[in-house]
Protein backbone atom coordinates (compact mmCIF):
# COMPACT_ATOMS: atom_id res chain seq x y z
CA UNK A 1 123.68 99.03 100.70
CA UNK A 2 124.84 97.75 97.33
CA UNK A 3 121.24 97.07 96.33
CA UNK A 4 120.48 100.81 96.54
CA UNK A 5 123.70 102.20 95.07
CA UNK A 6 122.17 103.26 91.74
CA UNK A 7 118.93 104.47 93.35
CA UNK A 8 120.81 106.58 95.90
CA UNK A 9 122.94 108.24 93.23
CA UNK A 10 119.80 108.97 91.21
CA UNK A 11 118.03 110.47 94.22
CA UNK A 12 120.94 112.80 94.97
CA UNK A 13 120.55 114.31 91.49
CA UNK A 14 116.83 114.89 92.13
CA UNK A 15 117.15 116.57 95.51
CA UNK A 16 117.95 119.95 93.97
CA UNK A 17 114.32 120.13 92.74
CA UNK A 18 112.87 119.93 96.26
CA UNK A 19 111.27 123.20 97.32
CA UNK A 20 113.26 123.94 100.45
CA UNK A 21 114.07 126.96 102.64
CA UNK A 22 115.28 129.40 99.98
CA UNK A 23 112.44 128.73 97.57
CA UNK A 24 109.87 128.81 100.37
CA UNK A 25 111.16 132.27 101.27
CA UNK A 26 110.65 133.46 97.70
CA UNK A 27 107.14 132.04 97.75
CA UNK A 28 106.43 133.77 101.05
CA UNK A 29 107.41 137.08 99.50
CA UNK A 30 105.09 136.61 96.52
CA UNK A 31 102.52 139.40 96.60
CA UNK A 32 99.59 137.27 95.40
CA UNK A 33 98.65 133.60 95.20
CA UNK A 34 98.83 133.86 91.41
CA UNK A 35 102.43 135.01 91.72
CA UNK A 36 103.14 132.12 94.10
CA UNK A 37 101.71 129.58 91.66
CA UNK A 38 103.75 131.14 88.85
CA UNK A 39 106.87 130.60 90.96
CA UNK A 40 105.86 126.99 91.57
CA UNK A 41 105.62 126.47 87.82
CA UNK A 42 109.08 127.97 87.52
CA UNK A 43 110.24 125.35 90.06
CA UNK A 44 108.84 122.56 87.90
CA UNK A 45 105.52 121.94 89.65
CA UNK A 46 102.62 121.01 87.37
CA UNK A 47 99.77 123.32 88.30
CA UNK A 48 96.35 121.67 88.10
CA UNK A 49 93.45 123.93 87.20
CA UNK A 50 89.70 123.53 87.10
CA UNK A 51 88.20 121.96 84.00
CA UNK A 52 87.41 125.35 82.50
CA UNK A 53 91.09 126.33 82.89
CA UNK A 54 90.38 128.83 85.65
CA UNK A 55 91.10 128.46 89.35
CA UNK A 56 94.07 126.46 90.57
CA UNK A 57 93.15 123.17 92.27
CA UNK A 58 95.54 123.46 95.21
CA UNK A 59 95.20 119.99 96.70
CA UNK A 60 95.39 118.25 93.33
CA UNK A 61 98.50 120.29 92.53
CA UNK A 62 100.18 119.35 95.81
CA UNK A 63 99.17 115.73 95.48
CA UNK A 64 100.81 115.73 92.06
CA UNK A 65 104.16 116.53 93.73
CA UNK A 66 103.82 113.49 95.98
CA UNK A 67 102.67 111.20 93.17
CA UNK A 68 105.69 112.17 91.09
CA UNK A 69 108.09 111.55 94.00
CA UNK A 70 106.57 108.19 94.89
CA UNK A 71 106.56 107.08 91.27
CA UNK A 72 110.27 107.83 91.05
CA UNK A 73 111.28 106.00 94.23
CA UNK A 74 109.07 103.05 93.33
CA UNK A 75 111.07 102.67 90.13
CA UNK A 76 114.29 102.77 92.13
CA UNK A 77 113.24 100.45 94.96
CA UNK A 78 110.27 98.34 93.85
CA UNK A 79 108.58 96.13 96.44
CA UNK A 80 110.28 97.85 99.39
CA UNK A 81 108.02 97.81 102.48
CA UNK A 82 109.99 100.85 103.71
CA UNK A 83 108.49 102.94 100.92
CA UNK A 84 105.03 101.41 100.90
CA UNK A 85 104.52 102.16 104.59
CA UNK A 86 104.36 105.93 103.97
CA UNK A 87 101.26 105.39 101.82
CA UNK A 88 99.28 103.76 104.65
CA UNK A 89 98.13 107.06 106.24
CA UNK A 90 96.48 108.00 102.93
CA UNK A 91 94.64 104.67 102.84
CA UNK A 92 93.55 105.25 106.42
CA UNK A 93 92.39 108.80 105.77
CA UNK A 94 90.31 107.54 102.86
CA UNK A 95 88.88 104.68 104.88
CA UNK A 96 87.88 106.98 107.74
CA UNK A 97 86.37 109.52 105.36
CA UNK A 98 84.47 106.88 103.39
CA UNK A 99 83.00 105.29 106.53
CA UNK A 100 81.94 108.65 108.00
CA UNK A 101 80.41 109.75 104.69
CA UNK A 102 78.59 106.45 104.27
CA UNK A 103 76.97 106.52 107.72
CA UNK A 104 75.94 110.15 107.18
CA UNK A 105 74.72 109.57 103.64
CA UNK A 106 76.99 112.19 102.03
CA UNK A 107 79.53 112.26 99.21
CA UNK A 108 83.10 111.70 100.54
CA UNK A 109 84.89 113.05 97.44
CA UNK A 110 86.15 116.27 99.02
CA UNK A 111 87.72 114.33 101.91
CA UNK A 112 89.63 111.76 99.84
CA UNK A 113 93.21 111.57 98.60
CA UNK A 114 93.62 109.89 95.22
CA UNK A 115 96.73 108.27 96.60
CA UNK A 116 97.73 105.24 98.64
CA UNK A 117 98.17 101.50 98.23
CA UNK A 118 94.46 101.15 97.35
CA UNK A 119 92.56 103.62 95.17
CA UNK A 120 90.15 105.98 96.89
CA UNK A 121 87.37 104.80 94.57
CA UNK A 122 88.00 101.20 95.59
CA UNK A 123 87.87 102.09 99.29
CA UNK A 124 84.54 103.90 98.83
CA UNK A 125 83.18 100.82 97.07
CA UNK A 126 84.41 98.51 99.84
CA UNK A 127 82.67 100.62 102.48
CA UNK A 128 79.42 100.69 100.51
CA UNK A 129 79.52 96.90 100.14
CA UNK A 130 80.97 96.29 103.63
CA UNK A 131 83.52 93.99 102.03
CA UNK A 132 87.18 94.73 102.74
CA UNK A 133 89.08 91.82 101.19
CA UNK A 134 91.46 94.13 99.30
CA UNK A 135 92.84 95.40 102.62
CA UNK A 136 95.28 93.65 104.94
CA UNK A 137 93.73 91.40 107.60
CA UNK A 138 94.41 94.02 110.28
CA UNK A 139 92.78 96.81 108.26
CA UNK A 140 89.83 94.57 107.36
CA UNK A 141 89.22 93.94 111.05
CA UNK A 142 89.65 97.65 111.88
CA UNK A 143 87.15 98.72 109.20
CA UNK A 144 84.56 96.27 110.45
CA UNK A 145 85.19 97.25 114.08
CA UNK A 146 84.90 100.97 113.24
CA UNK A 147 81.56 100.51 111.50
CA UNK A 148 80.26 98.42 114.39
CA UNK A 149 81.55 100.91 117.00
CA UNK A 150 79.83 103.81 115.24
CA UNK A 151 76.57 101.86 115.00
CA UNK A 152 76.68 101.35 118.78
CA UNK A 153 77.90 104.79 119.89
CA UNK A 154 77.09 107.19 117.03
CA UNK A 155 80.47 108.75 117.85
CA UNK A 156 82.59 109.46 114.73
CA UNK A 157 85.68 109.74 116.93
CA UNK A 158 85.48 105.97 117.47
CA UNK A 159 86.10 105.52 113.74
CA UNK A 160 89.24 107.66 113.90
CA UNK A 161 90.65 105.90 116.97
CA UNK A 162 90.18 102.38 115.61
CA UNK A 163 91.50 103.10 112.11
CA UNK A 164 94.46 105.15 113.38
CA UNK A 165 95.59 102.40 115.74
CA UNK A 166 95.49 99.87 112.92
CA UNK A 167 97.26 102.26 110.54
CA UNK A 168 100.26 102.86 112.77
CA UNK A 169 100.47 99.18 113.67
CA UNK A 170 100.70 98.49 109.92
CA UNK A 171 103.41 101.12 109.55
CA UNK A 172 105.35 99.63 112.44
CA UNK A 173 105.15 96.14 110.94
CA UNK A 174 106.31 97.42 107.55
CA UNK A 175 109.23 99.26 109.18
CA UNK A 176 110.28 96.08 110.96
CA UNK A 177 109.95 94.13 107.70
CA UNK A 178 112.34 96.55 106.01
CA UNK A 179 115.12 95.26 108.28
CA UNK A 180 116.55 98.78 108.35
CA UNK A 181 117.36 100.44 111.67
CA UNK A 182 116.88 103.97 110.34
CA UNK A 183 113.43 103.21 108.94
CA UNK A 184 112.37 101.59 112.23
CA UNK A 185 113.64 104.62 114.13
CA UNK A 186 111.75 107.00 111.84
CA UNK A 187 108.47 105.22 112.42
CA UNK A 188 109.02 104.78 116.15
CA UNK A 189 109.86 108.48 116.51
CA UNK A 190 106.83 109.60 114.51
CA UNK A 191 104.59 107.44 116.71
CA UNK A 192 106.23 108.66 119.94
CA UNK A 193 105.81 112.31 118.97
CA UNK A 194 102.19 111.73 117.99
CA UNK A 195 101.51 110.01 121.31
CA UNK A 196 103.02 112.92 123.24
CA UNK A 197 100.89 115.37 121.26
CA UNK A 198 97.77 113.27 121.84
CA UNK A 199 98.51 113.08 125.57
CA UNK A 200 98.92 116.85 125.88
CA UNK A 201 95.82 117.59 123.81
CA UNK A 202 93.62 115.19 125.79
CA UNK A 203 95.08 116.34 129.12
CA UNK A 204 94.34 119.99 128.39
CA UNK A 205 90.88 119.16 127.12
CA UNK A 206 89.92 116.94 130.06
CA UNK A 207 91.80 118.69 132.84
CA UNK A 208 92.99 115.58 134.61
CA UNK A 209 92.31 111.92 135.28
CA UNK A 210 89.01 112.03 133.44
CA UNK A 211 90.90 112.03 130.15
CA UNK A 212 93.05 109.01 130.92
CA UNK A 213 90.67 106.42 129.34
CA UNK A 214 90.39 108.53 126.19
CA UNK A 215 94.16 108.83 125.92
CA UNK A 216 94.61 105.10 126.42
CA UNK A 217 92.09 104.46 123.62
CA UNK A 218 93.90 106.93 121.36
CA UNK A 219 97.43 105.69 122.16
CA UNK A 220 99.19 104.46 119.02
CA UNK A 221 101.21 101.22 119.05
CA UNK A 222 104.75 100.87 117.74
CA UNK A 223 106.65 103.62 119.56
CA UNK A 224 109.29 103.43 122.27
CA UNK A 225 107.55 105.54 124.95
CA UNK A 226 105.38 103.30 127.15
CA UNK A 227 101.72 104.15 127.49
CA UNK A 228 102.09 104.14 131.27
CA UNK A 229 104.84 106.79 131.17
CA UNK A 230 102.62 109.18 129.24
CA UNK A 231 99.37 108.41 131.03
CA UNK A 232 101.04 109.27 134.36
CA UNK A 233 100.53 112.91 133.38
CA UNK A 234 96.77 112.47 133.88
CA UNK A 235 97.41 111.79 137.55
CA UNK A 236 100.47 113.94 138.25
CA UNK A 237 100.12 116.78 135.73
CA UNK A 238 101.65 117.88 132.44
CA UNK A 239 104.89 119.02 134.10
CA UNK A 240 105.64 115.40 134.99
CA UNK A 241 105.33 114.41 131.33
CA UNK A 242 107.86 117.01 130.21
CA UNK A 243 110.22 116.17 133.05
CA UNK A 244 110.25 112.53 131.98
CA UNK A 245 110.86 113.51 128.36
CA UNK A 246 113.79 115.71 129.41
CA UNK A 247 115.43 112.53 130.73
CA UNK A 248 114.77 110.52 127.57
CA UNK A 249 115.94 110.52 123.94
CA UNK A 250 113.44 113.36 123.48
CA UNK A 251 115.26 115.82 125.73
CA UNK A 252 115.97 118.29 122.89
CA UNK A 253 112.31 118.16 121.83
CA UNK A 254 111.17 118.83 125.41
CA UNK A 255 113.59 121.76 125.72
CA UNK A 256 112.26 123.32 122.51
CA UNK A 257 108.70 123.03 123.79
CA UNK A 258 109.78 124.69 127.07
CA UNK A 259 111.13 127.67 125.07
CA UNK A 260 107.89 128.04 123.08
CA UNK A 261 104.61 129.69 124.04
CA UNK A 262 103.34 126.24 125.04
CA UNK A 263 100.43 126.23 122.62
CA UNK A 264 99.28 123.10 120.80
CA UNK A 265 100.16 124.79 117.51
CA UNK A 266 103.73 125.31 118.72
CA UNK A 267 103.91 121.74 120.05
CA UNK A 268 102.83 120.28 116.72
CA UNK A 269 105.39 122.35 114.82
CA UNK A 270 108.22 121.43 117.20
CA UNK A 271 107.25 117.75 116.91
CA UNK A 272 107.32 118.01 113.11
CA UNK A 273 110.71 119.70 113.22
CA UNK A 274 112.08 117.07 115.60
CA UNK A 275 111.11 114.35 113.14
CA UNK A 276 112.66 116.20 110.21
CA UNK A 277 115.87 116.64 112.22
CA UNK A 278 116.03 112.85 112.41
CA UNK A 279 115.42 112.53 108.67
CA UNK A 280 118.24 115.00 108.00
CA UNK A 281 120.73 112.82 109.85
CA UNK A 282 121.18 110.91 106.58
CA UNK A 283 121.46 114.04 104.43
CA UNK A 284 125.08 113.22 103.60
CA UNK A 285 124.97 109.44 103.79
CA UNK A 286 126.38 108.34 100.41
CA UNK A 287 123.98 105.51 99.58
CA UNK A 288 121.47 103.04 100.97
CA UNK A 289 117.76 102.65 101.57
CA UNK A 290 118.04 105.57 104.02
CA UNK A 291 118.69 107.99 101.15
CA UNK A 292 115.56 106.92 99.28
CA UNK A 293 113.35 106.97 102.38
CA UNK A 294 114.61 110.45 103.32
CA UNK A 295 113.72 111.64 99.81
CA UNK A 296 110.12 110.53 100.38
CA UNK A 297 110.03 112.26 103.78
CA UNK A 298 111.48 115.41 102.22
CA UNK A 299 108.61 115.57 99.74
CA UNK A 300 106.01 114.96 102.45
CA UNK A 301 107.32 118.02 104.29
CA UNK A 302 107.68 120.00 101.08
CA UNK A 303 103.96 119.49 100.45
CA UNK A 304 103.08 120.21 104.08
CA UNK A 305 104.91 123.54 103.91
CA UNK A 306 103.37 124.46 100.58
CA UNK A 307 99.91 123.69 101.95
CA UNK A 308 100.55 125.94 104.97
CA UNK A 309 101.92 128.68 102.74
CA UNK A 310 99.30 128.61 99.99
CA UNK A 311 96.29 128.19 102.28
CA UNK A 312 97.64 131.05 104.40
CA UNK A 313 97.97 133.35 101.41
CA UNK A 314 94.52 132.38 100.17
CA UNK A 315 93.10 133.25 103.61
CA UNK A 316 94.88 136.62 103.67
CA UNK A 317 97.13 135.74 106.62
CA UNK A 318 100.13 138.03 106.95
CA UNK A 319 103.51 136.81 105.70
CA UNK A 320 105.24 136.73 109.09
CA UNK A 321 102.52 134.58 110.64
CA UNK A 322 102.72 132.12 107.76
CA UNK A 323 106.52 132.08 108.06
CA UNK A 324 106.23 131.19 111.74
CA UNK A 325 104.06 128.18 110.85
CA UNK A 326 106.45 126.74 108.25
CA UNK A 327 108.20 123.51 109.21
CA UNK A 328 111.87 122.59 108.86
CA UNK A 329 112.87 121.63 105.32
CA UNK A 330 115.13 118.80 104.17
CA UNK A 331 117.11 121.15 101.93
C-alpha cells in the first residue's frame, strides 16, 4: 500500500468533482439540454462543440471526462496493469467496428472511441493492412480469426464473439498481473454478471436448448461462475439459473432481479448496480491501489449515467423514465 499512499491521498481530493447522485438529480431537473450542458460546465466539464461553435458534441464531451480521469491516474500509478486493463474494451470496440466497416466498405469513424491503449486511427490502419503487430499476441490472433470467420460465414456476430472473448481474457490476465485481490474480484464479477446477462438474453431469444451452442460461443472467460452452471438453464429453464445464483455469492443480485419486472433492461441495470456496489466497498479505504482503481470505475459510471441522461433528454423522454434508467453512483 505504501507505493500508492500519495496517489490515494490525491484521488480523495479529486472525488468531490465526480458527478454523483445529487448533481445527477439537478441535471435531471434541467428543463432543456442546453440547461443541462450549462450545469455540466458549472461542474467543470469541458463542453466540446462542433467546429462552427454550434451544437454540442455529446460523445466527445463525455469522452473528455474519461480522458481527463485516466490521464490523472496514469500520472499517479504509471505502468499499472490494473489501470491499463480498463482501456481494453475501448480497443476491442474499435477493432470490432473497424473490421465490420472494412468488410462492408464504409467509414468506421462514427463507431470509434478515440481512447484506449492503441489509437483508433492505428487500429483502422491495421485492419486495412491486415497487420496487427501493435496488438498483444492474443488480440492479433483474435483479429485474424474474426476476419476469417466473417469471410466464411458473413455473420458480423462472429466478429463480436471472437473479439469479446479475447478482450475479457486480456482483462483477466491484467487483473491477475496486478497481484491485487480487489482488482481480480472486480474483473471476475464484471465477467460473471455479463455471462449471466448473456445467458438470459440468449435463452429468451432461443426459447430453450437451441440457444445453448450460441451461449457457449458467447461465454466470456475469467469469471467464477462455470459455463456448465449457466448453460444448465437451456435444458432446465431460467428459474434454475436464478435458483443457483440465489445460493451463490450473487444471491443479493438474484433477489433484486426477482423484485424487478424481469425485463432485460432491468437485469442490465441491476447487474451494473451490483458491480458498483462492489466498487463502493473501498469508498472509505484510506489508501492503496484499490482507491485509484475505484476512481476509474467511478468515472466510467459517471459517463454512463450522463450518456443515459443526455441522450434521454435529447430524445424527449420524460424525466421519471430517465431517472429510472440511471445507475448507482460512486458518490
